[in-house]
Amino acid sequence: MISFKGSHYPNDVILYAVFFYVRYAVSYRDLEEILADRGVHVDHATLNRWVVKYASQIASEAQKRKTRTGRSWRMDETYIKVKGQWMYLYRALDKQGQTLDFMLSETRDEAAATRFFRQTIVNNGWPDKVVIDKSGANKAGLDNKNIELILHGWYWLIEVLQVKYLNNLIEQDHRFIKKITRPMKGFKSVEAATATLAGIETAHMIRKGQLGTTKLSAFQQFAALAG
């Protein structure tokens, strides 16, 4: 359960503000006006603190509670501007388009790719097949995981396919993330970017029906992750 200890606002107000920001293409000042129209007066700096504090915690719960994902993966990166510099958002889906995992990285290299595949495997289990682009770094990251399997005496390896057109699914999926981040015009810190992107990915997972509680509204599903 997420703690709201010390907050001067009701929990549902905080959760609504965080959800609205990560689900819709608004700036903090836009959200400040939207909430004021509903009788909730909170400044944009406080809204920022709420997102940074709670979005990652909610995303962690979403990873634990999401429905089972497939073992045929699609992996790719997109670009996110942080402190005026481009960083890399690693993302992976299964072949049905369900979100597997995501990771923000300052680098796009073998070490980052290996770290991302390690994280994704921990959260989703081992894949049978992974489709990637022509990136040598991503191929090296998967080769490292296959080496681990060999060293542990496994008799099967991850099949790696470097076929660009097969990755259209995840390239299209990037568009939702970019649509939400565009009004934000970049992030001022890695911490803020990481938390906000985790919240955006969680809202996107809910939109896809990955929490399996379709009788609840999207906001109710998001709020339930905090309980």
C-alpha atoms as a PDB file:
ATOM      1  CA  MET A   1       0.000   0.000   0.000  1.00  0.00           C
ATOM      2  CA  ILE A   2       1.293   3.452  -0.919  1.00  0.00           C
ATOM      3  CA  SER A   3       1.587   5.876   1.994  1.00  0.00           C
ATOM      4  CA  PHE A   4       0.147   9.386   1.668  1.00  0.00           C
ATOM      5  CA  LYS A   5       1.285  10.357   5.155  1.00  0.00           C
ATOM      6  CA  GLY A   6       1.896  14.075   5.540  1.00  0.00           C
ATOM      7  CA  SER A   7      -0.216  15.112   2.577  1.00  0.00           C
ATOM      8  CA  HIS A   8      -2.581  18.060   2.995  1.00  0.00           C
ATOM      9  CA  TYR A   9      -4.939  16.813   0.269  1.00  0.00           C
ATOM     10  CA  PRO A  10      -7.262  13.785   0.133  1.00  0.00           C
ATOM     11  CA  ASN A  11      -5.714  10.692  -1.419  1.00  0.00           C
ATOM     12  CA  ASP A  12      -8.232  10.560  -4.270  1.00  0.00           C
ATOM     13  CA  VAL A  13      -7.405  14.154  -5.252  1.00  0.00           C
ATOM     14  CA  ILE A  14      -3.700  13.323  -5.438  1.00  0.00           C
ATOM     15  CA  LEU A  15      -4.332  10.141  -7.420  1.00  0.00           C
ATOM     16  CA  TYR A  16      -6.699  11.902  -9.797  1.00  0.00           C
ATOM     17  CA  ALA A  17      -4.124  14.620 -10.478  1.00  0.00           C
ATOM     18  CA  VAL A  18      -1.321  12.105 -11.081  1.00  0.00           C
ATOM     19  CA  PHE A  19      -3.536   9.958 -13.319  1.00  0.00           C
ATOM     20  CA  PHE A  20      -4.769  12.919 -15.361  1.00  0.00           C
ATOM     21  CA  TYR A  21      -1.215  14.123 -15.956  1.00  0.00           C
ATOM     22  CA  VAL A  22       0.172  10.764 -17.103  1.00  0.00           C
ATOM     23  CA  ARG A  23      -2.884   9.825 -19.148  1.00  0.00           C
ATOM     24  CA  TYR A  24      -3.599  13.024 -21.071  1.00  0.00           C
ATOM     25  CA  ALA A  25      -1.431  15.459 -23.012  1.00  0.00           C
ATOM     26  CA  VAL A  26      -1.418  18.362 -20.551  1.00  0.00           C
ATOM     27  CA  SER A  27       1.196  20.538 -18.903  1.00  0.00           C
ATOM     28  CA  TYR A  28       1.343  21.078 -15.148  1.00  0.00           C
ATOM     29  CA  ARG A  29      -0.064  24.587 -15.582  1.00  0.00           C
ATOM     30  CA  ASP A  30      -2.937  23.182 -17.667  1.00  0.00           C
ATOM     31  CA  LEU A  31      -3.660  20.662 -14.932  1.00  0.00           C
ATOM     32  CA  GLU A  32      -3.509  23.399 -12.288  1.00  0.00           C
ATOM     33  CA  GLU A  33      -6.287  25.241 -14.162  1.00  0.00           C
ATOM     34  CA  ILE A  34      -8.340  22.078 -14.699  1.00  0.00           C
ATOM     35  CA  LEU A  35      -8.270  21.260 -10.989  1.00  0.00           C
ATOM     36  CA  ALA A  36      -9.069  24.865 -10.025  1.00  0.00           C
ATOM     37  CA  ASP A  37     -12.190  24.667 -12.210  1.00  0.00           C
ATOM     38  CA  ARG A  38     -13.206  21.678 -10.064  1.00  0.00           C
ATOM     39  CA  GLY A  39     -12.626  23.546  -6.812  1.00  0.00           C
ATOM     40  CA  VAL A  40      -9.189  22.090  -6.048  1.00  0.00           C
ATOM     41  CA  HIS A  41      -6.514  24.764  -5.693  1.00  0.00           C
ATOM     42  CA  VAL A  42      -3.009  23.355  -5.954  1.00  0.00           C
ATOM     43  CA  ASP A  43       0.019  24.899  -7.650  1.00  0.00           C
ATOM     44  CA  HIS A  44       1.892  23.278 -10.508  1.00  0.00           C
ATOM     45  CA  ALA A  45       5.041  22.697  -8.411  1.00  0.00           C
ATOM     46  CA  THR A  46       3.052  20.569  -5.981  1.00  0.00           C
ATOM     47  CA  LEU A  47       1.558  18.617  -8.874  1.00  0.00           C
ATOM     48  CA  ASN A  48       5.076  17.906 -10.085  1.00  0.00           C
ATOM     49  CA  ARG A  49       6.085  16.620  -6.646  1.00  0.00           C
ATOM     50  CA  TRP A  50       3.049  14.320  -6.572  1.00  0.00           C
ATOM     51  CA  VAL A  51       3.910  12.766  -9.924  1.00  0.00           C
ATOM     52  CA  VAL A  52       7.570  12.282  -9.017  1.00  0.00           C
ATOM     53  CA  LYS A  53       6.687  10.787  -5.621  1.00  0.00           C
ATOM     54  CA  TYR A  54       3.800   8.484  -6.529  1.00  0.00           C
ATOM     55  CA  ALA A  55       3.936   7.535 -10.213  1.00  0.00           C
ATOM     56  CA  SER A  56       6.857   5.105  -9.893  1.00  0.00           C
ATOM     57  CA  GLN A  57       5.307   3.406  -6.865  1.00  0.00           C
ATOM     58  CA  ILE A  58       2.053   2.899  -8.743  1.00  0.00           C
ATOM     59  CA  ALA A  59       3.963   1.575 -11.764  1.00  0.00           C
ATOM     60  CA  SER A  60       5.707  -0.994  -9.567  1.00  0.00           C
ATOM     61  CA  GLU A  61       2.339  -2.277  -8.403  1.00  0.00           C
ATOM     62  CA  ALA A  62       1.107  -2.431 -11.992  1.00  0.00           C
ATOM     63  CA  GLN A  63       4.066  -4.671 -12.915  1.00  0.00           C
ATOM     64  CA  LYS A  64       3.101  -7.071 -10.121  1.00  0.00           C
ATOM     65  CA  ARG A  65      -0.597  -7.171 -11.006  1.00  0.00           C
ATOM     66  CA  LYS A  66      -0.616  -7.092 -14.815  1.00  0.00           C
ATOM     67  CA  THR A  67      -2.070 -10.038 -16.707  1.00  0.00           C
ATOM     68  CA  ARG A  68       0.191 -12.744 -18.097  1.00  0.00           C
ATOM     69  CA  THR A  69       2.224 -11.668 -21.121  1.00  0.00           C
ATOM     70  CA  GLY A  70       3.454 -13.675 -24.114  1.00  0.00           C
ATOM     71  CA  ARG A  71       6.907 -15.133 -24.773  1.00  0.00           C
ATOM     72  CA  SER A  72       7.390 -13.629 -28.239  1.00  0.00           C
ATOM     73  CA  TRP A  73       8.727 -10.116 -27.703  1.00  0.00           C
ATOM     74  CA  ARG A  74       9.216  -6.922 -29.680  1.00  0.00           C
ATOM     75  CA  MET A  75      11.908  -4.554 -28.375  1.00  0.00           C
ATOM     76  CA  ASP A  76      12.900  -1.045 -29.487  1.00  0.00           C
ATOM     77  CA  GLU A  77      13.965   2.364 -28.156  1.00  0.00           C
ATOM     78  CA  THR A  78      12.595   5.857 -28.567  1.00  0.00           C
ATOM     79  CA  TYR A  79      14.041   9.258 -27.618  1.00  0.00           C
ATOM     80  CA  ILE A  80      13.124  11.417 -24.623  1.00  0.00           C
ATOM     81  CA  LYS A  81      14.665  14.825 -23.875  1.00  0.00           C
ATOM     82  CA  VAL A  82      15.954  15.268 -20.312  1.00  0.00           C
ATOM     83  CA  LYS A  83      17.817  18.412 -19.165  1.00  0.00           C
ATOM     84  CA  GLY A  84      18.113  19.435 -22.802  1.00  0.00           C
ATOM     85  CA  GLN A  85      19.778  16.172 -23.820  1.00  0.00           C
ATOM     86  CA  TRP A  86      18.294  13.171 -25.623  1.00  0.00           C
ATOM     87  CA  MET A  87      18.020   9.986 -23.581  1.00  0.00           C
ATOM     88  CA  TYR A  88      16.782   6.556 -24.590  1.00  0.00           C
ATOM     89  CA  LEU A  89      13.541   4.938 -23.485  1.00  0.00           C
ATOM     90  CA  TYR A  90      13.896   1.185 -23.894  1.00  0.00           C
ATOM     91  CA  ARG A  91      10.533  -0.542 -24.329  1.00  0.00           C
ATOM     92  CA  ALA A  92       9.321  -4.082 -24.954  1.00  0.00           C
ATOM     93  CA  LEU A  93       5.919  -5.528 -25.921  1.00  0.00           C
ATOM     94  CA  ASP A  94       4.741  -9.050 -26.568  1.00  0.00           C
ATOM     95  CA  LYS A  95       3.377  -9.944 -30.005  1.00  0.00           C
ATOM     96  CA  GLN A  96      -0.157  -9.060 -28.851  1.00  0.00           C
ATOM     97  CA  GLY A  97       0.955  -5.506 -28.076  1.00  0.00           C
ATOM     98  CA  GLN A  98       0.916  -5.929 -24.292  1.00  0.00           C
ATOM     99  CA  THR A  99       3.523  -3.864 -22.458  1.00  0.00           C
ATOM    100  CA  LEU A 100       6.295  -5.941 -20.916  1.00  0.00           C
ATOM    101  CA  ASP A 101       8.690  -3.364 -19.516  1.00  0.00           C
ATOM    102  CA  PHE A 102      10.449  -0.016 -20.041  1.00  0.00           C
ATOM    103  CA  MET A 103      13.659   1.639 -18.894  1.00  0.00           C
ATOM    104  CA  LEU A 104      15.139   5.115 -19.294  1.00  0.00           C
ATOM    105  CA  SER A 105      18.855   5.160 -20.060  1.00  0.00           C
ATOM    106  CA  GLU A 106      21.452   7.840 -20.731  1.00  0.00           C
ATOM    107  CA  THR A 107      23.249   5.470 -23.103  1.00  0.00           C
ATOM    108  CA  ARG A 108      22.313   3.190 -25.984  1.00  0.00           C
ATOM    109  CA  ASP A 109      24.928   0.476 -25.803  1.00  0.00           C
ATOM    110  CA  GLU A 110      25.513  -3.155 -24.904  1.00  0.00           C
ATOM    111  CA  ALA A 111      25.508  -2.513 -21.157  1.00  0.00           C
ATOM    112  CA  ALA A 112      22.180  -0.642 -21.287  1.00  0.00           C
ATOM    113  CA  ALA A 113      20.583  -3.289 -23.507  1.00  0.00           C
ATOM    114  CA  THR A 114      21.787  -6.089 -21.238  1.00  0.00           C
ATOM    115  CA  ARG A 115      20.437  -4.263 -18.192  1.00  0.00           C
ATOM    116  CA  PHE A 116      17.064  -3.775 -19.891  1.00  0.00           C
ATOM    117  CA  PHE A 117      16.740  -7.424 -20.926  1.00  0.00           C
ATOM    118  CA  ARG A 118      17.716  -8.523 -17.422  1.00  0.00           C
ATOM    119  CA  GLN A 119      15.012  -6.303 -15.897  1.00  0.00           C
ATOM    120  CA  THR A 120      12.388  -7.421 -18.405  1.00  0.00           C
ATOM    121  CA  ILE A 121      13.143 -11.091 -17.806  1.00  0.00           C
ATOM    122  CA  VAL A 122      12.929 -10.649 -14.038  1.00  0.00           C
ATOM    123  CA  ASN A 123       9.484  -9.070 -14.405  1.00  0.00           C
ATOM    124  CA  ASN A 124       8.104 -11.324 -17.154  1.00  0.00           C
ATOM    125  CA  GLY A 125      10.095 -14.552 -17.353  1.00  0.00           C
ATOM    126  CA  TRP A 126      12.311 -15.724 -20.205  1.00  0.00           C
ATOM    127  CA  PRO A 127      11.151 -15.171 -23.798  1.00  0.00           C
ATOM    128  CA  ASP A 128      11.243 -17.754 -26.578  1.00  0.00           C
ATOM    129  CA  LYS A 129      11.893 -15.126 -29.247  1.00  0.00           C
ATOM    130  CA  VAL A 130      12.818 -11.425 -29.371  1.00  0.00           C
ATOM    131  CA  VAL A 131      12.428  -9.229 -32.462  1.00  0.00           C
ATOM    132  CA  ILE A 132      14.771  -6.230 -32.592  1.00  0.00           C
ATOM    133  CA  ASP A 133      16.028  -3.779 -35.189  1.00  0.00           C
ATOM    134  CA  LYS A 134      19.511  -3.861 -36.676  1.00  0.00           C
ATOM    135  CA  SER A 135      21.095  -2.458 -33.514  1.00  0.00           C
ATOM    136  CA  GLY A 136      24.316  -4.270 -32.688  1.00  0.00           C
ATOM    137  CA  ALA A 137      24.023  -3.196 -29.049  1.00  0.00           C
ATOM    138  CA  ASN A 138      20.615  -4.846 -28.638  1.00  0.00           C
ATOM    139  CA  LYS A 139      21.871  -8.007 -30.336  1.00  0.00           C
ATOM    140  CA  ALA A 140      24.862  -8.057 -27.980  1.00  0.00           C
ATOM    141  CA  GLY A 141      22.530  -7.641 -24.986  1.00  0.00           C
ATOM    142  CA  LEU A 142      20.537 -10.699 -26.035  1.00  0.00           C
ATOM    143  CA  ASP A 143      23.715 -12.634 -26.768  1.00  0.00           C
ATOM    144  CA  ASN A 144      24.761 -11.955 -23.171  1.00  0.00           C
ATOM    145  CA  LYS A 145      21.516 -13.450 -21.879  1.00  0.00           C
ATOM    146  CA  ASN A 146      21.973 -16.499 -24.121  1.00  0.00           C
ATOM    147  CA  ILE A 147      25.477 -16.939 -22.746  1.00  0.00           C
ATOM    148  CA  GLU A 148      23.955 -16.991 -19.256  1.00  0.00           C
ATOM    149  CA  LEU A 149      21.614 -19.785 -20.366  1.00  0.00           C
ATOM    150  CA  ILE A 150      24.519 -21.793 -21.771  1.00  0.00           C
ATOM    151  CA  LEU A 151      26.558 -21.344 -18.581  1.00  0.00           C
ATOM    152  CA  HIS A 152      23.607 -22.579 -16.530  1.00  0.00           C
ATOM    153  CA  GLY A 153      23.267 -25.686 -18.682  1.00  0.00           C
ATOM    154  CA  TRP A 154      20.032 -24.844 -20.471  1.00  0.00           C
ATOM    155  CA  TYR A 155      19.291 -26.682 -23.713  1.00  0.00           C
ATOM    156  CA  TRP A 156      17.440 -23.868 -25.452  1.00  0.00           C
ATOM    157  CA  LEU A 157      18.349 -20.298 -26.345  1.00  0.00           C
ATOM    158  CA  ILE A 158      16.394 -17.138 -27.061  1.00  0.00           C
ATOM    159  CA  GLU A 159      15.711 -16.836 -30.792  1.00  0.00           C
ATOM    160  CA  VAL A 160      16.832 -13.399 -31.986  1.00  0.00           C
ATOM    161  CA  LEU A 161      15.286 -11.922 -35.126  1.00  0.00           C
ATOM    162  CA  GLN A 162      16.595  -8.668 -36.575  1.00  0.00           C
ATOM    163  CA  VAL A 163      13.736  -7.868 -38.952  1.00  0.00           C
ATOM    164  CA  LYS A 164      12.662  -4.216 -39.023  1.00  0.00           C
ATOM    165  CA  TYR A 165       9.122  -4.647 -40.420  1.00  0.00           C
ATOM    166  CA  LEU A 166       8.251  -7.109 -37.624  1.00  0.00           C
ATOM    167  CA  ASN A 167       8.868  -4.282 -35.159  1.00  0.00           C
ATOM    168  CA  ASN A 168       6.121  -2.055 -36.586  1.00  0.00           C
ATOM    169  CA  LEU A 169       3.935  -2.974 -33.608  1.00  0.00           C
ATOM    170  CA  ILE A 170       6.203  -1.396 -31.015  1.00  0.00           C
ATOM    171  CA  GLU A 171       7.137   1.534 -33.258  1.00  0.00           C
ATOM    172  CA  GLN A 172       3.428   2.372 -33.494  1.00  0.00           C
ATOM    173  CA  ASP A 173       3.079   1.930 -29.741  1.00  0.00           C
ATOM    174  CA  HIS A 174       5.773   4.552 -29.143  1.00  0.00           C
ATOM    175  CA  ARG A 175       3.347   7.137 -30.562  1.00  0.00           C
ATOM    176  CA  PHE A 176       1.145   7.070 -27.470  1.00  0.00           C
ATOM    177  CA  ILE A 177       4.114   7.780 -25.211  1.00  0.00           C
ATOM    178  CA  LYS A 178       5.354  10.595 -27.467  1.00  0.00           C
ATOM    179  CA  LYS A 179       1.858  12.112 -27.643  1.00  0.00           C
ATOM    180  CA  ILE A 180       1.657  12.402 -23.865  1.00  0.00           C
ATOM    181  CA  THR A 181       5.218  13.681 -23.382  1.00  0.00           C
ATOM    182  CA  ARG A 182       5.087  16.294 -26.159  1.00  0.00           C
ATOM    183  CA  PRO A 183       3.348  19.045 -24.086  1.00  0.00           C
ATOM    184  CA  MET A 184       5.870  18.450 -21.296  1.00  0.00           C
ATOM    185  CA  LYS A 185       8.637  19.838 -23.557  1.00  0.00           C
ATOM    186  CA  GLY A 186      11.355  17.758 -21.943  1.00  0.00           C
ATOM    187  CA  PHE A 187      12.147  16.919 -18.330  1.00  0.00           C
ATOM    188  CA  LYS A 188      14.327  18.848 -15.894  1.00  0.00           C
ATOM    189  CA  SER A 189      15.761  15.795 -14.139  1.00  0.00           C
ATOM    190  CA  VAL A 190      16.281  12.091 -14.680  1.00  0.00           C
ATOM    191  CA  GLU A 191      14.257  11.385 -11.524  1.00  0.00           C
ATOM    192  CA  ALA A 192      11.260  13.329 -12.834  1.00  0.00           C
ATOM    193  CA  ALA A 193      11.539  11.735 -16.274  1.00  0.00           C
ATOM    194  CA  THR A 194      11.772   8.209 -14.855  1.00  0.00           C
ATOM    195  CA  ALA A 195       8.770   8.653 -12.565  1.00  0.00           C
ATOM    196  CA  THR A 196       6.608  10.394 -15.150  1.00  0.00           C
ATOM    197  CA  LEU A 197       7.358   7.850 -17.864  1.00  0.00           C
ATOM    198  CA  ALA A 198       6.551   5.031 -15.437  1.00  0.00           C
ATOM    199  CA  GLY A 199       3.168   6.648 -14.818  1.00  0.00           C
ATOM    200  CA  ILE A 200       2.544   7.130 -18.545  1.00  0.00           C
ATOM    201  CA  GLU A 201       3.393   3.502 -19.261  1.00  0.00           C
ATOM    202  CA  THR A 202       1.064   2.394 -16.459  1.00  0.00           C
ATOM    203  CA  ALA A 203      -1.826   4.451 -17.833  1.00  0.00           C
ATOM    204  CA  HIS A 204      -1.099   2.944 -21.253  1.00  0.00           C
ATOM    205  CA  MET A 205      -1.199  -0.574 -19.775  1.00  0.00           C
ATOM    206  CA  ILE A 206      -4.578   0.184 -18.229  1.00  0.00           C
ATOM    207  CA  ARG A 207      -5.787   1.481 -21.589  1.00  0.00           C
ATOM    208  CA  LYS A 208      -4.769  -1.858 -23.129  1.00  0.00           C
ATOM    209  CA  GLY A 209      -6.694  -3.814 -20.473  1.00  0.00           C
ATOM    210  CA  GLN A 210      -3.589  -5.343 -18.935  1.00  0.00           C
ATOM    211  CA  LEU A 211      -4.798  -5.160 -15.339  1.00  0.00           C
ATOM    212  CA  GLY A 212      -7.776  -7.392 -16.079  1.00  0.00           C
ATOM    213  CA  THR A 213     -10.289  -5.257 -14.143  1.00  0.00           C
ATOM    214  CA  THR A 214     -12.296  -3.889 -17.049  1.00  0.00           C
ATOM    215  CA  LYS A 215     -15.428  -3.365 -14.918  1.00  0.00           C
ATOM    216  CA  LEU A 216     -13.661  -0.438 -13.305  1.00  0.00           C
ATOM    217  CA  SER A 217     -12.960   2.875 -15.007  1.00  0.00           C
ATOM    218  CA  ALA A 218      -9.382   3.659 -16.021  1.00  0.00           C
ATOM    219  CA  PHE A 219      -8.988   6.004 -13.049  1.00  0.00           C
ATOM    220  CA  GLN A 220     -10.443   3.432 -10.627  1.00  0.00           C
ATOM    221  CA  GLN A 221      -7.913   0.865 -11.879  1.00  0.00           C
ATOM    222  CA  PHE A 222      -5.098   3.366 -11.438  1.00  0.00           C
ATOM    223  CA  ALA A 223      -6.253   4.328  -7.937  1.00  0.00           C
ATOM    224  CA  ALA A 224      -6.639   0.665  -6.948  1.00  0.00           C
ATOM    225  CA  LEU A 225      -2.890   0.208  -7.518  1.00  0.00           C
ATOM    226  CA  ALA A 226      -2.251   2.602  -4.644  1.00  0.00           C
ATOM    227  CA  GLY A 227      -4.392   0.563  -2.250  1.00  0.00           C
END
